[in-house]
């Protein structure tokens, strides 16, 4: 049985590609800050060894990723498991939103409202 973690914070397990992405994440943080809805307690780099994604995570299980050179929050909608940045979720909703569960639609609306007020 393989007990190796799928998601790791051990930078020693990051390859050259993942370390370069980490540099880009930290540079974006230095230049533009964290997303306003992302808590800054115990922020750490994370690497999903199965997907190859490198991102920042925190104790609140929030995720920040790079989008157009800025850090943005990566969301998980809990009912049917839709996930992505706000722009990715909006794109998905345009295509198939009429089939989404009302709880996921409400969660997306709450995210949109937050960013309308805090943009």
Protein backbone atom coordinates (compact mmCIF):
# COMPACT_ATOMS: atom_id res chain seq x y z
CA UNK A 1 0.00 0.00 0.00
CA UNK A 2 1.33 3.44 -0.97
CA UNK A 3 1.00 5.81 1.98
CA UNK A 4 2.57 8.80 0.20
CA UNK A 5 0.51 11.98 0.54
CA UNK A 6 -1.28 13.16 -2.58
CA UNK A 7 -1.08 16.79 -1.44
CA UNK A 8 2.17 17.84 0.17
CA UNK A 9 3.63 20.96 1.72
CA UNK A 10 7.14 19.45 1.61
CA UNK A 11 8.99 21.69 -0.86
CA UNK A 12 11.60 18.94 -1.13
CA UNK A 13 9.00 16.95 -3.09
CA UNK A 14 8.37 19.84 -5.51
CA UNK A 15 10.14 19.46 -8.86
CA UNK A 16 11.73 22.33 -10.80
CA UNK A 17 8.39 23.14 -12.50
CA UNK A 18 6.53 23.23 -9.21
CA UNK A 19 9.19 25.39 -7.56
CA UNK A 20 8.93 27.87 -10.44
CA UNK A 21 5.16 28.04 -9.98
CA UNK A 22 5.75 28.57 -6.26
CA UNK A 23 8.06 31.52 -7.10
CA UNK A 24 5.25 32.97 -9.25
CA UNK A 25 2.72 32.48 -6.42
CA UNK A 26 4.97 34.20 -3.88
CA UNK A 27 5.79 37.02 -6.30
CA UNK A 28 2.07 37.61 -6.90
CA UNK A 29 1.52 37.64 -3.13
CA UNK A 30 4.32 40.19 -2.67
CA UNK A 31 3.09 42.40 -5.51
CA UNK A 32 -0.70 42.19 -5.09
CA UNK A 33 -1.44 40.50 -1.78
CA UNK A 34 -3.69 37.59 -0.98
CA UNK A 35 -7.32 37.54 -2.15
CA UNK A 36 -9.43 39.53 0.31
CA UNK A 37 -11.56 36.48 1.13
CA UNK A 38 -8.48 34.35 1.91
CA UNK A 39 -7.41 34.15 5.56
CA UNK A 40 -3.71 34.79 6.13
CA UNK A 41 -3.27 32.40 9.08
CA UNK A 42 -0.67 29.68 8.47
CA UNK A 43 -0.46 30.13 4.69
CA UNK A 44 1.67 27.45 3.09
CA UNK A 45 2.60 26.21 -0.37
CA UNK A 46 0.87 23.03 -1.45
CA UNK A 47 1.45 20.64 -4.33
CA UNK A 48 -1.04 18.05 -5.56
CA UNK A 49 1.24 15.27 -6.80
CA UNK A 50 -1.55 13.71 -8.87
CA UNK A 51 -2.83 16.81 -10.70
CA UNK A 52 0.40 18.81 -10.71
CA UNK A 53 -1.33 21.87 -9.28
CA UNK A 54 0.69 24.15 -7.01
CA UNK A 55 -1.25 26.58 -4.84
CA UNK A 56 -1.38 28.29 -1.46
CA UNK A 57 -3.50 26.86 1.32
CA UNK A 58 -4.31 27.82 4.90
CA UNK A 59 -5.80 26.49 8.13
CA UNK A 60 -9.33 27.39 6.94
CA UNK A 61 -8.91 24.96 4.00
CA UNK A 62 -9.00 27.85 1.55
CA UNK A 63 -7.03 27.76 -1.69
CA UNK A 64 -5.40 30.57 -3.67
CA UNK A 65 -4.17 30.06 -7.24
CA UNK A 66 -2.64 32.22 -9.96
CA UNK A 67 -4.93 33.78 -12.54
CA UNK A 68 -3.58 36.43 -14.91
CA UNK A 69 -0.63 37.13 -12.60
CA UNK A 70 -2.77 37.66 -9.49
CA UNK A 71 -3.76 35.38 -6.66
CA UNK A 72 -7.44 34.47 -6.67
CA UNK A 73 -9.49 32.17 -4.50
CA UNK A 74 -10.34 28.71 -5.74
CA UNK A 75 -13.81 27.70 -4.62
CA UNK A 76 -15.56 24.40 -4.01
CA UNK A 77 -19.35 24.40 -4.19
CA UNK A 78 -20.43 21.78 -1.73
CA UNK A 79 -23.56 20.22 -3.15
CA UNK A 80 -22.48 18.83 -6.53
CA UNK A 81 -18.77 19.58 -6.21
CA UNK A 82 -18.36 22.32 -8.81
CA UNK A 83 -14.97 23.91 -8.30
CA UNK A 84 -12.77 26.61 -9.74
CA UNK A 85 -11.98 30.29 -9.58
CA UNK A 86 -14.89 32.71 -9.82
CA UNK A 87 -14.25 33.21 -13.54
CA UNK A 88 -14.10 29.44 -14.12
CA UNK A 89 -17.31 28.87 -12.17
CA UNK A 90 -19.05 31.65 -14.10
CA UNK A 91 -17.93 30.12 -17.40
CA UNK A 92 -19.21 26.70 -16.31
CA UNK A 93 -22.48 28.24 -15.11
CA UNK A 94 -23.03 29.90 -18.51
CA UNK A 95 -22.81 26.48 -20.16
CA UNK A 96 -24.71 24.30 -17.70
CA UNK A 97 -26.05 26.45 -14.88
CA UNK A 98 -29.63 25.46 -15.62
CA UNK A 99 -28.75 21.96 -14.38
CA UNK A 100 -27.00 23.05 -11.15
CA UNK A 101 -28.51 22.29 -7.79
CA UNK A 102 -30.08 25.39 -6.16
CA UNK A 103 -27.61 25.23 -3.24
CA UNK A 104 -24.66 25.51 -5.65
CA UNK A 105 -26.39 28.36 -7.50
CA UNK A 106 -26.86 30.15 -4.17
CA UNK A 107 -23.20 29.56 -3.23
CA UNK A 108 -22.08 31.05 -6.56
CA UNK A 109 -24.36 34.04 -6.03
CA UNK A 110 -22.86 34.58 -2.57
CA UNK A 111 -19.35 34.58 -4.06
CA UNK A 112 -20.43 37.03 -6.76
CA UNK A 113 -22.03 39.32 -4.17
CA UNK A 114 -18.89 39.27 -2.03
CA UNK A 115 -16.76 40.39 -4.98
CA UNK A 116 -19.26 43.07 -6.05
CA UNK A 117 -18.88 44.63 -2.60
CA UNK A 118 -15.15 43.93 -2.12
CA UNK A 119 -13.72 44.34 -5.62
